[in-house]
Amino acid sequence: MQEYRDNGAKLGWLIDLETRQVEIYRSGRDVEVLESPASLSGEDVLPEFVLNLKDIWCID
């Protein structure tokens, strides 16, 4: 992810299926770690985009 950030990526998600964690990388900010989020927002980079993770985590 650092290489993506170094090359100007404004938003990145690292999804770890084993730990059910998502690391959110944003330009100029510290990494945020979420535990089993139901969804991820594209924020201002991809307005109106939402990635539903319920099927990935097998959440009803």
C-alpha atoms as a PDB file:
ATOM      1  CA  MET A   1       0.000   0.000   0.000  1.00  0.00           C
ATOM      2  CA  GLN A   2       2.854   2.363   0.665  1.00  0.00           C
ATOM      3  CA  GLU A   3       3.848   2.252  -2.997  1.00  0.00           C
ATOM      4  CA  TYR A   4       0.319   3.236  -4.022  1.00  0.00           C
ATOM      5  CA  ARG A   5       0.368   6.108  -1.524  1.00  0.00           C
ATOM      6  CA  ASP A   6       3.787   7.213  -2.730  1.00  0.00           C
ATOM      7  CA  ASN A   7       2.393   7.342  -6.277  1.00  0.00           C
ATOM      8  CA  GLY A   8      -0.570   9.547  -5.368  1.00  0.00           C
ATOM      9  CA  ALA A   9      -3.403   7.165  -4.491  1.00  0.00           C
ATOM     10  CA  LYS A  10      -5.997   9.111  -2.508  1.00  0.00           C
ATOM     11  CA  LEU A  11      -7.858   6.112  -1.083  1.00  0.00           C
ATOM     12  CA  GLY A  12      -6.941   2.472  -0.606  1.00  0.00           C
ATOM     13  CA  TRP A  13      -8.502  -0.490   1.163  1.00  0.00           C
ATOM     14  CA  LEU A  14      -6.566  -3.519   2.337  1.00  0.00           C
ATOM     15  CA  ILE A  15      -9.070  -6.261   3.150  1.00  0.00           C
ATOM     16  CA  ASP A  16      -7.795  -9.134   5.316  1.00  0.00           C
ATOM     17  CA  LEU A  17     -10.202 -12.076   5.181  1.00  0.00           C
ATOM     18  CA  GLU A  18      -8.455 -14.022   7.956  1.00  0.00           C
ATOM     19  CA  THR A  19      -8.646 -11.294  10.596  1.00  0.00           C
ATOM     20  CA  ARG A  20     -11.812  -9.696   9.167  1.00  0.00           C
ATOM     21  CA  GLN A  21     -10.099  -6.318   9.270  1.00  0.00           C
ATOM     22  CA  VAL A  22      -9.941  -3.541   6.721  1.00  0.00           C
ATOM     23  CA  GLU A  23      -7.129  -1.021   6.672  1.00  0.00           C
ATOM     24  CA  ILE A  24      -8.143   2.270   5.078  1.00  0.00           C
ATOM     25  CA  TYR A  25      -5.374   4.348   3.560  1.00  0.00           C
ATOM     26  CA  ARG A  26      -6.106   8.003   2.821  1.00  0.00           C
ATOM     27  CA  SER A  27      -3.799  10.615   1.405  1.00  0.00           C
ATOM     28  CA  GLY A  28      -2.088  12.609   4.163  1.00  0.00           C
ATOM     29  CA  ARG A  29      -3.721  10.691   7.039  1.00  0.00           C
ATOM     30  CA  ASP A  30      -2.876   7.830   9.363  1.00  0.00           C
ATOM     31  CA  VAL A  31      -4.141   4.350   8.518  1.00  0.00           C
ATOM     32  CA  GLU A  32      -7.564   3.538   9.967  1.00  0.00           C
ATOM     33  CA  VAL A  33      -8.331  -0.087  10.905  1.00  0.00           C
ATOM     34  CA  LEU A  34     -11.919  -1.346  10.983  1.00  0.00           C
ATOM     35  CA  GLU A  35     -13.151  -4.657  12.402  1.00  0.00           C
ATOM     36  CA  SER A  36     -15.620  -6.505  10.132  1.00  0.00           C
ATOM     37  CA  PRO A  37     -17.253  -3.425   8.593  1.00  0.00           C
ATOM     38  CA  ALA A  38     -20.539  -4.107   6.787  1.00  0.00           C
ATOM     39  CA  SER A  39     -19.558  -1.746   3.985  1.00  0.00           C
ATOM     40  CA  LEU A  40     -16.929   0.703   2.768  1.00  0.00           C
ATOM     41  CA  SER A  41     -17.581   4.111   1.284  1.00  0.00           C
ATOM     42  CA  GLY A  42     -15.775   5.578  -1.692  1.00  0.00           C
ATOM     43  CA  GLU A  43     -15.810   8.856   0.235  1.00  0.00           C
ATOM     44  CA  ASP A  44     -14.961  11.918  -1.869  1.00  0.00           C
ATOM     45  CA  VAL A  45     -12.749   9.861  -4.218  1.00  0.00           C
ATOM     46  CA  LEU A  46     -15.641   7.707  -5.530  1.00  0.00           C
ATOM     47  CA  PRO A  47     -18.804   9.542  -4.482  1.00  0.00           C
ATOM     48  CA  GLU A  48     -21.877   7.335  -4.080  1.00  0.00           C
ATOM     49  CA  PHE A  49     -19.777   4.139  -4.359  1.00  0.00           C
ATOM     50  CA  VAL A  50     -20.357   1.648  -1.549  1.00  0.00           C
ATOM     51  CA  LEU A  51     -18.653  -1.739  -1.311  1.00  0.00           C
ATOM     52  CA  ASN A  52     -20.923  -4.173   0.536  1.00  0.00           C
ATOM     53  CA  LEU A  53     -18.824  -6.584   2.623  1.00  0.00           C
ATOM     54  CA  LYS A  54     -21.659  -8.551   4.228  1.00  0.00           C
ATOM     55  CA  ASP A  55     -21.259 -11.454   1.785  1.00  0.00           C
ATOM     56  CA  ILE A  56     -17.516 -11.492   2.257  1.00  0.00           C
ATOM     57  CA  TRP A  57     -17.839 -11.760   6.032  1.00  0.00           C
ATOM     58  CA  CYS A  58     -20.969 -13.970   5.725  1.00  0.00           C
ATOM     59  CA  ILE A  59     -23.057 -11.537   7.775  1.00  0.00           C
ATOM     60  CA  ASP A  60     -26.863 -11.665   7.558  1.00  0.00           C
END
